[in-house]
Amino acid sequence: MNAGFDQIFNLYNPMVYKVADILDTYVYRVGIQDMEYSFSTAVGLFKNVVGLIMVVITNFITSKLSNNEYGLW
């Protein structure tokens, strides 16, 4: 879910918002520049919850396919 915030942010300007905007830069732009802290917090939290769900589902599938030999827990 992390797409390299630093690399994109270094080349980020209003001319490339349409093609270069990712969730991390969107949260930064809305939260810091537009001062909508609650909205940017909700978007960031949503991104992290989706990432957690993806890890749990992937771990479940890996554990079932490998008879609990490979998995995180």
Protein backbone atom coordinates (compact mmCIF):
# COMPACT_ATOMS: atom_id res chain seq x y z
CA MET A 1 0.00 0.00 0.00
CA ASN A 2 2.99 2.30 0.29
CA ALA A 3 3.97 3.63 -3.10
CA GLY A 4 7.10 5.59 -2.15
CA PHE A 5 5.88 8.88 -0.73
CA ASP A 6 9.34 10.50 -0.84
CA GLN A 7 9.97 9.90 -4.52
CA ILE A 8 6.55 11.15 -5.56
CA PHE A 9 6.54 14.10 -3.14
CA ASN A 10 9.90 15.38 -4.42
CA LEU A 11 8.47 15.76 -7.94
CA TYR A 12 5.00 16.82 -6.79
CA ASN A 13 3.47 20.09 -8.00
CA PRO A 14 -0.01 21.30 -9.03
CA MET A 15 0.62 20.47 -12.69
CA VAL A 16 0.95 16.74 -11.97
CA TYR A 17 -1.74 16.29 -9.28
CA LYS A 18 -4.01 14.50 -11.74
CA VAL A 19 -1.51 11.78 -12.66
CA ALA A 20 0.81 11.62 -9.64
CA ASP A 21 -1.64 11.75 -6.73
CA ILE A 22 -1.54 8.70 -4.45
CA LEU A 23 -3.26 8.23 -1.10
CA ASP A 24 -0.24 9.40 0.89
CA THR A 25 0.23 12.62 -1.07
CA TYR A 26 -3.55 13.21 -1.10
CA VAL A 27 -3.68 12.89 2.70
CA TYR A 28 -0.73 15.26 2.99
CA ARG A 29 -2.24 17.82 0.60
CA VAL A 30 -5.70 17.78 2.17
CA GLY A 31 -4.49 17.58 5.76
CA ILE A 32 -1.57 19.98 5.82
CA GLN A 33 -2.23 22.38 2.96
CA ASP A 34 -6.04 22.56 3.13
CA MET A 35 -6.13 22.14 6.94
CA GLU A 36 -8.82 19.44 6.91
CA TYR A 37 -7.26 17.33 9.64
CA SER A 38 -10.23 15.12 10.45
CA PHE A 39 -10.82 14.14 6.81
CA SER A 40 -7.16 13.38 6.16
CA THR A 41 -7.00 11.34 9.38
CA ALA A 42 -10.01 9.31 8.26
CA VAL A 43 -8.49 8.65 4.83
CA GLY A 44 -5.16 7.62 6.37
CA LEU A 45 -6.88 5.36 8.88
CA PHE A 46 -8.96 3.77 6.11
CA LYS A 47 -5.79 3.05 4.12
CA ASN A 48 -4.21 1.37 7.15
CA VAL A 49 -7.32 -0.70 7.90
CA VAL A 50 -7.46 -1.92 4.29
CA GLY A 51 -3.77 -2.87 4.53
CA LEU A 52 -4.36 -4.79 7.76
CA ILE A 53 -7.31 -6.66 6.24
CA MET A 54 -5.18 -7.59 3.22
CA VAL A 55 -2.40 -8.94 5.47
CA VAL A 56 -4.83 -11.00 7.56
CA ILE A 57 -6.58 -12.46 4.49
CA THR A 58 -3.26 -13.27 2.80
CA ASN A 59 -1.97 -14.92 5.98
CA PHE A 60 -5.17 -17.00 6.27
CA ILE A 61 -4.95 -18.17 2.65
CA THR A 62 -1.23 -18.97 2.96
CA SER A 63 -1.79 -20.93 6.16
CA LYS A 64 -4.62 -22.97 4.61
CA LEU A 65 -2.71 -23.74 1.41
CA SER A 66 0.46 -24.80 3.25
CA ASN A 67 -1.21 -26.71 6.15
CA ASN A 68 -0.11 -24.09 8.72
CA GLU A 69 3.56 -24.51 7.72
CA TYR A 70 3.97 -20.97 6.39
CA GLY A 71 2.27 -17.97 7.88
CA LEU A 72 2.84 -15.06 10.17
CA TRP A 73 1.11 -16.45 13.24
